[in-house]
Amino acid sequence: MTVQAYQTLYESSIAYGMRKALMAEQKRNEMTARIKELEEAWEELAEETRKLQQEQEDVVRKFSDESEREDKEHTSNVDRLNALNNDYKNELETLLSTPAK
């Protein structure tokens, strides 16, 4: 090979190496940007998860409080109705036990 051929081979290999280096740098920059996007998306999803968990806890607490209140109200109504029933029963027994004239 002549010096001119070696010179051409050298220049084309340098150009090839520069293209590959630039492509690698561009790919690295794209990947860095993609990583940043994914981290931001992850943070948003983590915040949304925290909000949804808090909302779930609030709903469960509200349901529990409401259920407890309804149970107390039901127990109170049952006790009141049992007392009323006993009063009616006693009144009925009193009316039935009085001697007829």
N, C-alpha and C. Protein backbone atom coordinates (compact mmCIF):
# COMPACT_ATOMS: atom_id res chain seq x y z
N MET A 1 0.84 -1.18 0.00
CA MET A 1 0.00 0.00 0.00
C MET A 1 0.89 1.24 0.00
N THR A 2 0.33 2.26 -0.55
CA THR A 2 1.10 3.50 -0.61
C THR A 2 0.79 4.36 0.58
N VAL A 3 1.55 5.36 0.76
CA VAL A 3 1.35 6.29 1.87
C VAL A 3 -0.01 6.95 1.73
N GLN A 4 -0.40 7.25 0.53
CA GLN A 4 -1.72 7.87 0.29
C GLN A 4 -2.84 6.93 0.74
N ALA A 5 -2.73 5.67 0.49
CA ALA A 5 -3.75 4.70 0.91
C ALA A 5 -3.80 4.62 2.43
N TYR A 6 -2.62 4.60 3.07
CA TYR A 6 -2.60 4.58 4.54
C TYR A 6 -3.20 5.86 5.09
N GLN A 7 -2.92 6.97 4.47
CA GLN A 7 -3.46 8.26 4.90
C GLN A 7 -4.98 8.23 4.80
N THR A 8 -5.53 7.73 3.73
CA THR A 8 -6.98 7.65 3.52
C THR A 8 -7.60 6.69 4.54
N LEU A 9 -6.97 5.55 4.76
CA LEU A 9 -7.46 4.58 5.74
C LEU A 9 -7.47 5.18 7.13
N TYR A 10 -6.40 5.91 7.47
CA TYR A 10 -6.29 6.55 8.77
C TYR A 10 -7.41 7.59 8.95
N GLU A 11 -7.63 8.40 7.97
CA GLU A 11 -8.65 9.45 8.06
C GLU A 11 -10.05 8.86 8.15
N SER A 12 -10.32 7.82 7.39
CA SER A 12 -11.64 7.22 7.47
C SER A 12 -11.85 6.51 8.81
N SER A 13 -10.79 5.92 9.36
CA SER A 13 -10.95 5.28 10.68
C SER A 13 -11.14 6.32 11.77
N ILE A 14 -10.47 7.47 11.65
CA ILE A 14 -10.67 8.56 12.61
C ILE A 14 -12.11 9.06 12.50
N ALA A 15 -12.61 9.23 11.29
CA ALA A 15 -13.98 9.70 11.08
C ALA A 15 -14.99 8.69 11.65
N TYR A 16 -14.72 7.41 11.41
CA TYR A 16 -15.59 6.36 11.95
C TYR A 16 -15.60 6.42 13.48
N GLY A 17 -14.43 6.54 14.07
CA GLY A 17 -14.33 6.61 15.53
C GLY A 17 -15.05 7.82 16.09
N MET A 18 -14.96 8.96 15.43
CA MET A 18 -15.64 10.17 15.86
C MET A 18 -17.16 10.01 15.76
N ARG A 19 -17.63 9.40 14.66
CA ARG A 19 -19.07 9.16 14.51
C ARG A 19 -19.58 8.27 15.64
N LYS A 20 -18.83 7.20 15.91
CA LYS A 20 -19.25 6.27 16.98
C LYS A 20 -19.23 6.97 18.34
N ALA A 21 -18.21 7.80 18.59
CA ALA A 21 -18.13 8.51 19.86
C ALA A 21 -19.30 9.48 20.00
N LEU A 22 -19.63 10.20 18.94
CA LEU A 22 -20.76 11.12 18.97
C LEU A 22 -22.08 10.39 19.16
N MET A 23 -22.23 9.25 18.49
CA MET A 23 -23.44 8.45 18.65
C MET A 23 -23.57 7.95 20.09
N ALA A 24 -22.46 7.53 20.67
CA ALA A 24 -22.48 7.05 22.05
C ALA A 24 -22.82 8.19 23.01
N GLU A 25 -22.27 9.36 22.78
CA GLU A 25 -22.57 10.52 23.61
C GLU A 25 -24.05 10.90 23.49
N GLN A 26 -24.57 10.88 22.26
CA GLN A 26 -25.98 11.18 22.05
C GLN A 26 -26.87 10.15 22.76
N LYS A 27 -26.52 8.90 22.65
CA LYS A 27 -27.29 7.82 23.30
C LYS A 27 -27.26 8.00 24.82
N ARG A 28 -26.08 8.36 25.34
CA ARG A 28 -25.95 8.57 26.79
C ARG A 28 -26.82 9.73 27.24
N ASN A 29 -26.84 10.82 26.48
CA ASN A 29 -27.68 11.96 26.81
C ASN A 29 -29.16 11.60 26.76
N GLU A 30 -29.56 10.83 25.76
CA GLU A 30 -30.96 10.38 25.66
C GLU A 30 -31.33 9.51 26.85
N MET A 31 -30.44 8.61 27.23
CA MET A 31 -30.72 7.72 28.36
C MET A 31 -30.80 8.52 29.66
N THR A 32 -29.93 9.52 29.82
CA THR A 32 -29.97 10.36 31.02
C THR A 32 -31.30 11.11 31.09
N ALA A 33 -31.75 11.64 29.96
CA ALA A 33 -33.03 12.34 29.92
C ALA A 33 -34.17 11.38 30.23
N ARG A 34 -34.11 10.19 29.68
CA ARG A 34 -35.16 9.18 29.92
C ARG A 34 -35.19 8.78 31.40
N ILE A 35 -34.01 8.63 31.99
CA ILE A 35 -33.94 8.29 33.42
C ILE A 35 -34.57 9.39 34.25
N LYS A 36 -34.29 10.64 33.90
CA LYS A 36 -34.87 11.76 34.64
C LYS A 36 -36.39 11.76 34.51
N GLU A 37 -36.90 11.53 33.30
CA GLU A 37 -38.35 11.45 33.09
C GLU A 37 -38.97 10.35 33.92
N LEU A 38 -38.33 9.19 33.93
CA LEU A 38 -38.88 8.06 34.68
C LEU A 38 -38.84 8.32 36.18
N GLU A 39 -37.79 8.96 36.66
CA GLU A 39 -37.73 9.28 38.09
C GLU A 39 -38.82 10.27 38.47
N GLU A 40 -39.08 11.27 37.61
CA GLU A 40 -40.15 12.23 37.89
C GLU A 40 -41.51 11.52 37.88
N ALA A 41 -41.71 10.63 36.91
CA ALA A 41 -42.97 9.88 36.85
C ALA A 41 -43.12 9.01 38.09
N TRP A 42 -42.02 8.40 38.52
CA TRP A 42 -42.07 7.56 39.72
C TRP A 42 -42.45 8.39 40.94
N GLU A 43 -41.87 9.59 41.06
CA GLU A 43 -42.21 10.45 42.20
C GLU A 43 -43.68 10.84 42.18
N GLU A 44 -44.20 11.16 40.99
CA GLU A 44 -45.62 11.50 40.88
C GLU A 44 -46.50 10.32 41.27
N LEU A 45 -46.13 9.14 40.80
CA LEU A 45 -46.91 7.94 41.14
C LEU A 45 -46.81 7.61 42.62
N ALA A 46 -45.65 7.82 43.20
CA ALA A 46 -45.49 7.57 44.64
C ALA A 46 -46.36 8.53 45.43
N GLU A 47 -46.42 9.79 45.02
CA GLU A 47 -47.28 10.77 45.69
C GLU A 47 -48.75 10.40 45.54
N GLU A 48 -49.13 9.98 44.34
CA GLU A 48 -50.51 9.55 44.10
C GLU A 48 -50.84 8.33 44.96
N THR A 49 -49.89 7.42 45.09
CA THR A 49 -50.09 6.25 45.94
C THR A 49 -50.31 6.66 47.38
N ARG A 50 -49.49 7.60 47.87
CA ARG A 50 -49.67 8.07 49.24
C ARG A 50 -51.04 8.71 49.44
N LYS A 51 -51.46 9.52 48.46
CA LYS A 51 -52.78 10.16 48.56
C LYS A 51 -53.89 9.12 48.57
N LEU A 52 -53.79 8.12 47.69
CA LEU A 52 -54.82 7.08 47.63
C LEU A 52 -54.85 6.24 48.91
N GLN A 53 -53.68 5.97 49.48
CA GLN A 53 -53.65 5.22 50.73
C GLN A 53 -54.29 6.03 51.85
N GLN A 54 -54.02 7.35 51.88
CA GLN A 54 -54.63 8.20 52.89
C GLN A 54 -56.14 8.24 52.69
N GLU A 55 -56.57 8.35 51.44
CA GLU A 55 -58.00 8.35 51.15
C GLU A 55 -58.64 7.04 51.58
N GLN A 56 -57.95 5.93 51.33
CA GLN A 56 -58.46 4.62 51.73
C GLN A 56 -58.59 4.56 53.25
N GLU A 57 -57.57 5.02 53.96
CA GLU A 57 -57.63 5.02 55.42
C GLU A 57 -58.78 5.89 55.93
N ASP A 58 -59.00 7.05 55.28
CA ASP A 58 -60.09 7.93 55.68
C ASP A 58 -61.44 7.25 55.45
N VAL A 59 -61.59 6.56 54.32
CA VAL A 59 -62.85 5.88 54.02
C VAL A 59 -63.09 4.75 55.02
N VAL A 60 -62.04 4.00 55.31
CA VAL A 60 -62.18 2.89 56.28
C VAL A 60 -62.54 3.45 57.66
N ARG A 61 -61.86 4.53 58.05
CA ARG A 61 -62.14 5.14 59.36
C ARG A 61 -63.58 5.66 59.40
N LYS A 62 -64.01 6.33 58.31
CA LYS A 62 -65.37 6.86 58.25
C LYS A 62 -66.39 5.72 58.32
N PHE A 63 -66.12 4.65 57.56
CA PHE A 63 -67.03 3.51 57.59
C PHE A 63 -67.09 2.90 58.98
N SER A 64 -65.94 2.77 59.62
CA SER A 64 -65.88 2.19 60.95
C SER A 64 -66.65 3.06 61.95
N ASP A 65 -66.44 4.38 61.89
CA ASP A 65 -67.15 5.29 62.79
C ASP A 65 -68.66 5.24 62.54
N GLU A 66 -69.04 5.22 61.27
CA GLU A 66 -70.46 5.17 60.92
C GLU A 66 -71.08 3.86 61.36
N SER A 67 -70.36 2.77 61.17
CA SER A 67 -70.85 1.46 61.58
C SER A 67 -71.01 1.40 63.10
N GLU A 68 -70.04 1.96 63.81
CA GLU A 68 -70.10 1.97 65.28
C GLU A 68 -71.29 2.82 65.74
N ARG A 69 -71.49 3.96 65.09
CA ARG A 69 -72.61 4.83 65.45
C ARG A 69 -73.94 4.12 65.18
N GLU A 70 -74.04 3.45 64.04
CA GLU A 70 -75.27 2.73 63.71
C GLU A 70 -75.51 1.58 64.69
N ASP A 71 -74.45 0.90 65.10
CA ASP A 71 -74.59 -0.18 66.08
C ASP A 71 -75.10 0.36 67.42
N LYS A 72 -74.55 1.49 67.84
CA LYS A 72 -75.01 2.09 69.10
C LYS A 72 -76.46 2.53 69.00
N GLU A 73 -76.80 3.12 67.85
CA GLU A 73 -78.18 3.56 67.63
C GLU A 73 -79.12 2.36 67.62
N HIS A 74 -78.71 1.29 66.97
CA HIS A 74 -79.53 0.07 66.91
C HIS A 74 -79.70 -0.50 68.32
N THR A 75 -78.62 -0.59 69.06
CA THR A 75 -78.69 -1.13 70.42
C THR A 75 -79.61 -0.27 71.29
N SER A 76 -79.49 1.04 71.12
CA SER A 76 -80.35 1.95 71.88
C SER A 76 -81.82 1.73 71.51
N ASN A 77 -82.10 1.61 70.22
CA ASN A 77 -83.48 1.37 69.79
C ASN A 77 -84.00 0.04 70.30
N VAL A 78 -83.18 -1.00 70.25
CA VAL A 78 -83.60 -2.32 70.73
C VAL A 78 -83.90 -2.24 72.23
N ASP A 79 -83.02 -1.58 72.99
CA ASP A 79 -83.25 -1.44 74.43
C ASP A 79 -84.52 -0.67 74.72
N ARG A 80 -84.75 0.42 73.97
CA ARG A 80 -85.95 1.23 74.16
C ARG A 80 -87.20 0.41 73.82
N LEU A 81 -87.13 -0.33 72.71
CA LEU A 81 -88.29 -1.15 72.32
C LEU A 81 -88.53 -2.29 73.30
N ASN A 82 -87.45 -2.89 73.83
CA ASN A 82 -87.62 -3.95 74.85
C ASN A 82 -88.25 -3.37 76.11
N ALA A 83 -87.82 -2.17 76.51
CA ALA A 83 -88.41 -1.54 77.70
C ALA A 83 -89.87 -1.22 77.45
N LEU A 84 -90.19 -0.70 76.28
CA LEU A 84 -91.58 -0.40 75.94
C LEU A 84 -92.41 -1.68 75.90
N ASN A 85 -91.85 -2.74 75.34
CA ASN A 85 -92.53 -4.03 75.29
C ASN A 85 -92.79 -4.55 76.70
N ASN A 86 -91.81 -4.42 77.57
CA ASN A 86 -92.00 -4.86 78.97
C ASN A 86 -93.08 -4.04 79.65
N ASP A 87 -93.10 -2.72 79.38
CA ASP A 87 -94.15 -1.87 79.97
C ASP A 87 -95.52 -2.32 79.47
N TYR A 88 -95.64 -2.56 78.18
CA TYR A 88 -96.93 -3.03 77.64
C TYR A 88 -97.30 -4.38 78.21
N LYS A 89 -96.31 -5.23 78.35
CA LYS A 89 -96.57 -6.57 78.90
C LYS A 89 -97.07 -6.46 80.33
N ASN A 90 -96.41 -5.63 81.13
CA ASN A 90 -96.83 -5.44 82.53
C ASN A 90 -98.22 -4.83 82.60
N GLU A 91 -98.47 -3.86 81.73
CA GLU A 91 -99.79 -3.23 81.70
C GLU A 91 -100.86 -4.24 81.31
N LEU A 92 -100.54 -5.07 80.31
CA LEU A 92 -101.49 -6.09 79.87
C LEU A 92 -101.73 -7.11 80.99
N GLU A 93 -100.67 -7.53 81.66
CA GLU A 93 -100.84 -8.48 82.78
C GLU A 93 -101.67 -7.86 83.90
N THR A 94 -101.46 -6.57 84.13
CA THR A 94 -102.25 -5.89 85.17
C THR A 94 -103.73 -5.84 84.77
N LEU A 95 -103.97 -5.53 83.51
CA LEU A 95 -105.36 -5.47 83.05
C LEU A 95 -106.03 -6.85 83.07
N LEU A 96 -105.26 -7.86 82.72
CA LEU A 96 -105.81 -9.24 82.68
C LEU A 96 -105.98 -9.82 84.09
N SER A 97 -105.17 -9.36 85.01
CA SER A 97 -105.24 -9.96 86.34
C SER A 97 -106.26 -9.28 87.25
N THR A 98 -106.84 -8.16 86.88
CA THR A 98 -107.84 -7.51 87.71
C THR A 98 -109.15 -8.32 87.65
N PRO A 99 -109.73 -8.49 88.78
CA PRO A 99 -110.96 -9.28 88.81
C PRO A 99 -112.10 -8.58 88.05
N ALA A 100 -112.82 -9.34 87.38
CA ALA A 100 -113.95 -8.80 86.62
C ALA A 100 -115.11 -8.59 87.55
N LYS A 101 -115.86 -7.57 87.42
CA LYS A 101 -117.00 -7.26 88.30
C LYS A 101 -118.30 -7.71 87.73
